[in-house]
N, C-alpha and C. Protein backbone atom coordinates (compact mmCIF):
# COMPACT_ATOMS: atom_id res chain seq x y z
N MET A 1 121.76 63.03 124.42
CA MET A 1 122.78 63.03 123.39
C MET A 1 124.06 63.60 124.00
N SER A 2 125.14 62.86 123.93
CA SER A 2 126.41 63.38 124.45
C SER A 2 127.30 63.76 123.27
N PHE A 3 128.07 64.80 123.47
CA PHE A 3 128.91 65.33 122.40
C PHE A 3 130.38 65.13 122.75
N SER A 4 131.17 64.90 121.72
CA SER A 4 132.61 64.77 121.90
C SER A 4 133.21 66.15 122.18
N THR A 5 134.46 66.15 122.60
CA THR A 5 135.16 67.41 122.85
C THR A 5 135.21 68.25 121.58
N LYS A 6 135.45 67.64 120.46
CA LYS A 6 135.50 68.37 119.19
C LYS A 6 134.13 68.97 118.86
N GLU A 7 133.07 68.21 119.06
CA GLU A 7 131.72 68.71 118.80
C GLU A 7 131.40 69.89 119.72
N GLN A 8 131.80 69.79 120.97
CA GLN A 8 131.56 70.89 121.91
C GLN A 8 132.34 72.13 121.50
N ARG A 9 133.58 71.95 121.04
CA ARG A 9 134.38 73.08 120.57
C ARG A 9 133.71 73.74 119.37
N LEU A 10 133.21 72.93 118.44
CA LEU A 10 132.52 73.46 117.28
C LEU A 10 131.25 74.20 117.67
N MET A 11 130.49 73.66 118.61
CA MET A 11 129.28 74.34 119.07
C MET A 11 129.62 75.67 119.73
N ASN A 12 130.72 75.71 120.48
CA ASN A 12 131.15 76.97 121.08
C ASN A 12 131.53 77.99 120.01
N GLU A 13 132.23 77.54 118.98
CA GLU A 13 132.59 78.44 117.88
C GLU A 13 131.33 78.94 117.16
N ILE A 14 130.37 78.07 116.96
CA ILE A 14 129.10 78.45 116.33
C ILE A 14 128.44 79.54 117.17
N PHE A 15 128.43 79.37 118.47
CA PHE A 15 127.85 80.37 119.36
C PHE A 15 128.57 81.70 119.23
N VAL A 16 129.90 81.68 119.23
CA VAL A 16 130.69 82.91 119.15
C VAL A 16 130.42 83.64 117.84
N VAL A 17 130.40 82.93 116.72
CA VAL A 17 130.15 83.57 115.42
C VAL A 17 128.73 84.14 115.39
N THR A 18 127.77 83.37 115.86
CA THR A 18 126.39 83.84 115.88
C THR A 18 126.25 85.07 116.76
N GLU A 19 126.89 85.06 117.91
CA GLU A 19 126.83 86.22 118.82
C GLU A 19 127.53 87.43 118.19
N THR A 20 128.61 87.21 117.47
CA THR A 20 129.29 88.32 116.77
C THR A 20 128.35 88.95 115.75
N ILE A 21 127.65 88.13 114.99
CA ILE A 21 126.68 88.65 114.03
C ILE A 21 125.60 89.43 114.78
N HIS A 22 125.14 88.89 115.88
CA HIS A 22 124.10 89.54 116.68
C HIS A 22 124.56 90.90 117.19
N GLN A 23 125.80 90.99 117.66
CA GLN A 23 126.32 92.24 118.22
C GLN A 23 126.67 93.27 117.15
N LYS A 24 127.31 92.84 116.07
CA LYS A 24 127.78 93.77 115.04
C LYS A 24 126.71 94.12 114.02
N PHE A 25 125.78 93.22 113.79
CA PHE A 25 124.78 93.41 112.74
C PHE A 25 123.39 93.01 113.26
N PRO A 26 122.87 93.72 114.25
CA PRO A 26 121.60 93.31 114.86
C PRO A 26 120.44 93.24 113.86
N THR A 27 120.41 94.15 112.91
CA THR A 27 119.34 94.13 111.91
C THR A 27 119.45 92.88 111.03
N LEU A 28 120.68 92.58 110.63
CA LEU A 28 120.89 91.40 109.79
C LEU A 28 120.69 90.11 110.58
N TYR A 29 121.02 90.15 111.86
CA TYR A 29 120.85 88.96 112.70
C TYR A 29 119.39 88.51 112.70
N ALA A 30 118.49 89.49 112.74
CA ALA A 30 117.06 89.16 112.76
C ALA A 30 116.64 88.42 111.50
N ASN A 31 117.36 88.65 110.41
CA ASN A 31 117.03 88.00 109.14
C ASN A 31 118.13 87.06 108.67
N LEU A 32 118.89 86.55 109.60
CA LEU A 32 120.02 85.69 109.27
C LEU A 32 119.58 84.53 108.40
N SER A 33 120.16 84.48 107.22
CA SER A 33 119.75 83.43 106.27
C SER A 33 120.66 82.21 106.41
N GLU A 34 120.70 81.69 107.62
CA GLU A 34 121.54 80.53 107.86
C GLU A 34 120.80 79.25 107.51
N THR A 35 121.55 78.28 107.13
CA THR A 35 120.98 76.97 106.89
C THR A 35 120.81 76.30 108.24
N PRO A 36 119.59 75.99 108.63
CA PRO A 36 119.41 75.41 109.96
C PRO A 36 120.07 74.03 110.08
N LEU A 37 120.60 73.79 111.22
CA LEU A 37 121.19 72.49 111.52
C LEU A 37 120.09 71.63 112.12
N PHE A 38 119.67 70.63 111.38
CA PHE A 38 118.57 69.81 111.87
C PHE A 38 118.83 68.35 111.49
N LEU A 39 118.10 67.50 112.12
CA LEU A 39 118.20 66.08 111.85
C LEU A 39 117.11 65.68 110.87
N SER A 40 117.48 64.94 109.87
CA SER A 40 116.47 64.43 108.95
C SER A 40 115.85 63.18 109.56
N GLY A 41 114.79 62.70 108.97
CA GLY A 41 114.13 61.51 109.48
C GLY A 41 115.00 60.27 109.45
N THR A 42 116.00 60.26 108.56
CA THR A 42 116.87 59.09 108.45
C THR A 42 118.17 59.25 109.22
N GLN A 43 118.51 60.48 109.59
CA GLN A 43 119.76 60.72 110.29
C GLN A 43 119.57 60.51 111.79
N LYS A 44 120.40 59.68 112.36
CA LYS A 44 120.27 59.34 113.78
C LYS A 44 120.89 60.38 114.70
N ASP A 45 121.92 61.05 114.22
CA ASP A 45 122.68 61.94 115.10
C ASP A 45 123.36 63.01 114.27
N VAL A 46 123.67 64.12 114.90
CA VAL A 46 124.48 65.16 114.28
C VAL A 46 125.93 64.78 114.52
N ASN A 47 126.78 64.96 113.51
CA ASN A 47 128.18 64.60 113.68
C ASN A 47 129.09 65.81 113.48
N CYS A 48 130.37 65.63 113.66
CA CYS A 48 131.33 66.73 113.56
C CYS A 48 131.28 67.39 112.19
N LEU A 49 131.12 66.61 111.15
CA LEU A 49 131.06 67.18 109.81
C LEU A 49 129.87 68.12 109.66
N ASP A 50 128.74 67.76 110.24
CA ASP A 50 127.56 68.63 110.22
C ASP A 50 127.87 69.96 110.91
N PHE A 51 128.49 69.89 112.08
CA PHE A 51 128.85 71.10 112.81
C PHE A 51 129.86 71.94 112.01
N GLU A 52 130.85 71.26 111.40
CA GLU A 52 131.86 71.98 110.62
C GLU A 52 131.22 72.71 109.43
N HIS A 53 130.32 72.05 108.73
CA HIS A 53 129.64 72.68 107.59
C HIS A 53 128.80 73.87 108.04
N TYR A 54 128.10 73.71 109.11
CA TYR A 54 127.26 74.79 109.64
C TYR A 54 128.13 75.98 110.06
N LEU A 55 129.23 75.70 110.76
CA LEU A 55 130.13 76.76 111.20
C LEU A 55 130.69 77.51 109.99
N GLU A 56 131.13 76.79 108.97
CA GLU A 56 131.63 77.45 107.77
C GLU A 56 130.57 78.31 107.12
N SER A 57 129.34 77.83 107.11
CA SER A 57 128.23 78.57 106.52
C SER A 57 128.02 79.92 107.22
N ILE A 58 128.00 79.92 108.53
CA ILE A 58 127.75 81.18 109.23
C ILE A 58 128.99 82.08 109.23
N LYS A 59 130.19 81.49 109.17
CA LYS A 59 131.41 82.30 109.03
C LYS A 59 131.40 83.05 107.70
N LEU A 60 130.99 82.36 106.64
CA LEU A 60 130.91 83.00 105.33
C LEU A 60 129.87 84.12 105.34
N GLN A 61 128.77 83.91 106.02
CA GLN A 61 127.77 84.96 106.12
C GLN A 61 128.32 86.17 106.87
N LEU A 62 129.07 85.94 107.94
CA LEU A 62 129.67 87.03 108.69
C LEU A 62 130.64 87.80 107.79
N LEU A 63 131.47 87.10 107.05
CA LEU A 63 132.39 87.77 106.13
C LEU A 63 131.63 88.60 105.11
N GLY A 64 130.54 88.06 104.59
CA GLY A 64 129.72 88.80 103.64
C GLY A 64 129.14 90.06 104.25
N PHE A 65 128.66 89.96 105.50
CA PHE A 65 128.11 91.13 106.20
C PHE A 65 129.21 92.19 106.39
N GLU A 66 130.40 91.74 106.80
CA GLU A 66 131.50 92.67 107.03
C GLU A 66 131.93 93.34 105.73
N HIS A 67 132.02 92.56 104.68
CA HIS A 67 132.41 93.11 103.36
C HIS A 67 131.37 94.12 102.89
N SER A 68 130.12 93.80 103.04
CA SER A 68 129.05 94.70 102.63
C SER A 68 129.11 96.00 103.40
N GLU A 69 129.41 95.90 104.68
CA GLU A 69 129.51 97.09 105.53
C GLU A 69 130.67 97.96 105.07
N GLU A 70 131.82 97.34 104.75
CA GLU A 70 133.00 98.08 104.31
C GLU A 70 132.76 98.79 102.99
N THR A 71 132.05 98.18 102.08
CA THR A 71 131.84 98.77 100.77
C THR A 71 130.76 99.84 100.77
N HIS A 72 129.98 99.92 101.85
CA HIS A 72 128.92 100.92 101.93
C HIS A 72 129.24 102.07 102.89
N ILE A 73 130.49 102.13 103.32
CA ILE A 73 130.89 103.20 104.24
C ILE A 73 131.36 104.39 103.44
């Protein structure tokens, strides 16, 4: 499977956000309630929109973790 430049950029961003969660919230990372990015039986390929939705999902989770941390300090 080859990825476009945009898809690779999105995958890199996904990695950075995931690693940020891992570094800042190791306990939460272990229980990260992310929606897995997977292919269904009818879907032939992952596309940019799939990556964008996934990235937004984990960004929102990071914001939630940060907000929760701020309100409990």
